[in-house]
Amino acid sequence: MSENDPLPSIDFATFVLSLSHSALMHLGEAPDPETNKVETHLPLAKQNIDILGLLEEKTKGNLTGDEERLLAQVLFDLRMRYVERSKVK
């Protein structure tokens, strides 16, 4: 993305997916967009996953069905990936 590219509009799904991508990057499953390198930083991945978990807890009852499903699906996937990466250490 260049400086002249328009930024996507921000909604709940975009926010969740942004945090999810950050967690995937720290899990070593996506390249850093700045350096294009793939590196693993499990504490940072866990922090992003914990933030998403906190978001799920604090928004309970205030999300649409689609938003709830997205957040639950993202959290399940990231937690499973984190457990797998933690075993590799």
Protein backbone atom coordinates (compact mmCIF):
# COMPACT_ATOMS: atom_id res chain seq x y z
CA MET A 1 0.00 0.00 0.00
CA SER A 2 1.47 3.34 -1.00
CA GLU A 3 0.93 6.65 0.74
CA ASN A 4 -1.54 7.69 -1.96
CA ASP A 5 -3.77 4.62 -1.62
CA PRO A 6 -7.03 5.39 0.16
CA LEU A 7 -7.38 3.74 3.55
CA PRO A 8 -10.26 1.30 3.95
CA SER A 9 -13.22 2.49 5.98
CA ILE A 10 -13.03 1.43 9.60
CA ASP A 11 -15.76 -0.78 10.96
CA PHE A 12 -15.78 -3.55 13.55
CA ALA A 13 -14.82 -6.26 11.05
CA THR A 14 -11.90 -4.22 9.71
CA PHE A 15 -10.66 -3.62 13.26
CA VAL A 16 -10.89 -7.33 14.17
CA LEU A 17 -9.16 -8.37 10.94
CA SER A 18 -6.40 -5.82 11.51
CA LEU A 19 -5.67 -7.23 14.97
CA SER A 20 -5.91 -10.73 13.54
CA HIS A 21 -3.37 -9.96 10.82
CA SER A 22 -1.03 -8.50 13.42
CA ALA A 23 -1.32 -11.70 15.47
CA LEU A 24 -0.68 -13.83 12.36
CA MET A 25 2.38 -11.74 11.58
CA HIS A 26 3.74 -12.27 15.10
CA LEU A 27 2.97 -15.99 14.86
CA GLY A 28 5.30 -16.08 11.86
CA GLU A 29 2.48 -16.84 9.42
CA ALA A 30 2.49 -13.56 7.52
CA PRO A 31 5.31 -11.25 6.44
CA ASP A 32 5.86 -7.89 8.08
CA PRO A 33 4.56 -5.36 5.53
CA GLU A 34 7.46 -3.00 6.24
CA THR A 35 10.33 -5.48 5.90
CA ASN A 36 8.65 -8.34 4.03
CA LYS A 37 10.34 -10.69 6.53
CA VAL A 38 8.55 -13.48 8.38
CA GLU A 39 9.50 -13.51 12.07
CA THR A 40 7.97 -15.10 15.15
CA HIS A 41 7.28 -13.11 18.33
CA LEU A 42 4.97 -15.27 20.45
CA PRO A 43 4.53 -12.76 23.33
CA LEU A 44 3.29 -10.13 20.85
CA ALA A 45 1.02 -12.68 19.15
CA LYS A 46 -0.45 -13.59 22.55
CA GLN A 47 -0.99 -9.93 23.36
CA ASN A 48 -3.00 -9.44 20.16
CA ILE A 49 -5.02 -12.59 20.83
CA ASP A 50 -5.69 -11.43 24.40
CA ILE A 51 -6.85 -8.03 23.11
CA LEU A 52 -9.30 -9.78 20.78
CA GLY A 53 -10.49 -11.90 23.72
CA LEU A 54 -11.01 -8.79 25.82
CA LEU A 55 -12.91 -7.21 22.94
CA GLU A 56 -15.16 -10.28 22.74
CA GLU A 57 -15.84 -10.11 26.48
CA LYS A 58 -16.52 -6.36 26.58
CA THR A 59 -18.75 -6.27 23.49
CA LYS A 60 -20.89 -9.30 24.37
CA GLY A 61 -24.52 -8.52 23.55
CA ASN A 62 -23.63 -5.43 21.51
CA LEU A 63 -22.54 -7.01 18.22
CA THR A 64 -24.47 -8.14 15.18
CA GLY A 65 -24.61 -11.87 14.52
CA ASP A 66 -22.04 -11.52 11.74
CA GLU A 67 -19.67 -9.58 14.00
CA GLU A 68 -20.01 -12.16 16.79
CA ARG A 69 -19.30 -15.03 14.38
CA LEU A 70 -16.30 -13.24 12.86
CA LEU A 71 -14.76 -12.52 16.25
CA ALA A 72 -15.39 -16.05 17.55
CA GLN A 73 -13.97 -17.61 14.38
CA VAL A 74 -10.88 -15.39 14.37
CA LEU A 75 -10.23 -16.07 18.06
CA PHE A 76 -10.62 -19.83 17.68
CA ASP A 77 -8.26 -19.90 14.70
CA LEU A 78 -5.62 -17.69 16.34
CA ARG A 79 -5.74 -19.59 19.62
CA MET A 80 -5.24 -22.92 17.82
CA ARG A 81 -2.34 -21.50 15.80
CA TYR A 82 -0.79 -20.06 18.97
CA VAL A 83 -0.98 -23.43 20.74
CA GLU A 84 0.67 -25.13 17.75
CA ARG A 85 3.45 -22.50 17.55
CA SER A 86 4.03 -22.72 21.30
CA LYS A 87 4.67 -26.46 21.01
CA VAL A 88 7.36 -25.90 18.35
CA LYS A 89 9.55 -23.79 20.66
